[in-house]
Amino acid sequence: MKNFHLIEVRYLGPTDTLGSRVKLVSSRFNQSVTIPYNYRFNNARDIAIDWLMAEGHAIVGSGEVNDCYVIVIEATDKKFKPLKEAR
């Protein structure tokens, strides 16, 4: 059976000093990363998927829960590439 990992994705609106951003949160590994909003895409989910794929994560699917998107990626403890170490 495959192991999956859920990444929560939230849009962060602009402030007086920062532009719009997208925050990806891994509750399982207690990590998060905030990336700039990419206006090439239509929403935070698509921005997060593009970023995760560019960092080598295998996207399985996505959905919405309450006020955030959830992206499902393949993961095992040995194979998961942490968000903060991704670059």
Protein backbone atom coordinates (compact mmCIF):
# COMPACT_ATOMS: atom_id res chain seq x y z
CA MET A 1 0.00 0.00 0.00
CA LYS A 2 1.33 3.45 -0.89
CA ASN A 3 1.81 6.14 1.68
CA PHE A 4 0.52 9.64 0.89
CA HIS A 5 1.31 13.00 2.39
CA LEU A 6 -1.09 15.96 2.61
CA ILE A 7 0.13 19.51 2.08
CA GLU A 8 -2.20 22.35 3.08
CA VAL A 9 -2.08 25.38 0.81
CA ARG A 10 -3.25 28.87 1.82
CA TYR A 11 -3.27 32.18 0.00
CA LEU A 12 -1.69 35.04 1.97
CA GLY A 13 -2.80 38.45 0.79
CA PRO A 14 -0.50 41.43 0.42
CA THR A 15 0.54 43.56 3.37
CA ASP A 16 2.07 47.03 3.56
CA THR A 17 5.52 45.54 3.05
CA LEU A 18 4.98 42.16 1.31
CA GLY A 19 3.22 41.09 -1.85
CA SER A 20 0.80 38.18 -2.13
CA ARG A 21 2.22 34.81 -1.13
CA VAL A 22 1.29 31.14 -0.93
CA LYS A 23 1.98 29.11 2.21
CA LEU A 24 2.45 25.33 2.06
CA VAL A 25 2.13 23.48 5.37
CA SER A 26 3.09 19.90 6.21
CA SER A 27 1.44 19.06 9.53
CA ARG A 28 3.01 15.61 9.55
CA PHE A 29 6.55 16.97 9.54
CA ASN A 30 5.72 20.28 11.28
CA GLN A 31 7.16 22.28 8.36
CA SER A 32 6.04 25.14 6.20
CA VAL A 33 7.38 27.16 3.32
CA THR A 34 6.09 30.44 1.92
CA ILE A 35 6.57 31.18 -1.75
CA PRO A 36 5.78 34.29 -3.80
CA TYR A 37 2.44 34.44 -5.60
CA ASN A 38 2.95 33.67 -9.28
CA TYR A 39 0.43 35.63 -11.36
CA ARG A 40 1.03 33.27 -14.28
CA PHE A 41 -1.41 30.93 -12.52
CA ASN A 42 -5.05 31.38 -11.58
CA ASN A 43 -4.94 30.38 -7.91
CA ALA A 44 -2.80 29.28 -4.95
CA ARG A 45 -3.42 25.57 -5.61
CA ASP A 46 -1.92 25.73 -9.11
CA ILE A 47 1.05 27.77 -7.84
CA ALA A 48 1.71 25.19 -5.09
CA ILE A 49 1.41 22.25 -7.49
CA ASP A 50 3.86 23.88 -9.92
CA TRP A 51 6.34 24.59 -7.11
CA LEU A 52 6.06 21.08 -5.60
CA MET A 53 6.55 19.43 -9.00
CA ALA A 54 9.58 21.61 -9.72
CA GLU A 55 11.02 20.48 -6.37
CA GLY A 56 10.62 16.80 -7.28
CA HIS A 57 7.43 15.87 -5.43
CA ALA A 58 5.04 13.39 -7.11
CA ILE A 59 1.54 14.91 -7.11
CA VAL A 60 -1.28 12.39 -6.71
CA GLY A 61 -4.29 14.71 -6.42
CA SER A 62 -5.81 17.73 -4.74
CA GLY A 63 -8.97 18.92 -3.05
CA GLU A 64 -10.42 21.55 -0.76
CA VAL A 65 -11.02 21.42 2.98
CA ASN A 66 -12.60 24.31 4.87
CA ASP A 67 -10.60 27.42 3.92
CA CYS A 68 -7.61 25.82 2.20
CA TYR A 69 -6.56 23.58 -0.64
CA VAL A 70 -4.99 20.20 0.08
CA ILE A 71 -2.46 18.63 -2.26
CA VAL A 72 -1.76 14.91 -2.02
CA ILE A 73 1.78 13.78 -2.77
CA GLU A 74 3.42 10.36 -2.68
CA ALA A 75 5.57 9.96 0.39
CA THR A 76 7.32 7.50 2.61
CA ASP A 77 9.55 8.44 5.50
CA LYS A 78 12.56 7.43 3.42
CA LYS A 79 11.40 9.13 0.22
CA PHE A 80 9.77 12.37 1.38
CA LYS A 81 11.64 15.50 0.37
CA PRO A 82 11.09 18.04 3.18
CA LEU A 83 9.60 21.37 2.20
CA LYS A 84 12.31 23.49 3.83
CA GLU A 85 15.17 21.53 2.29
CA ALA A 86 13.61 21.65 -1.17
CA ARG A 87 15.44 23.97 -3.58
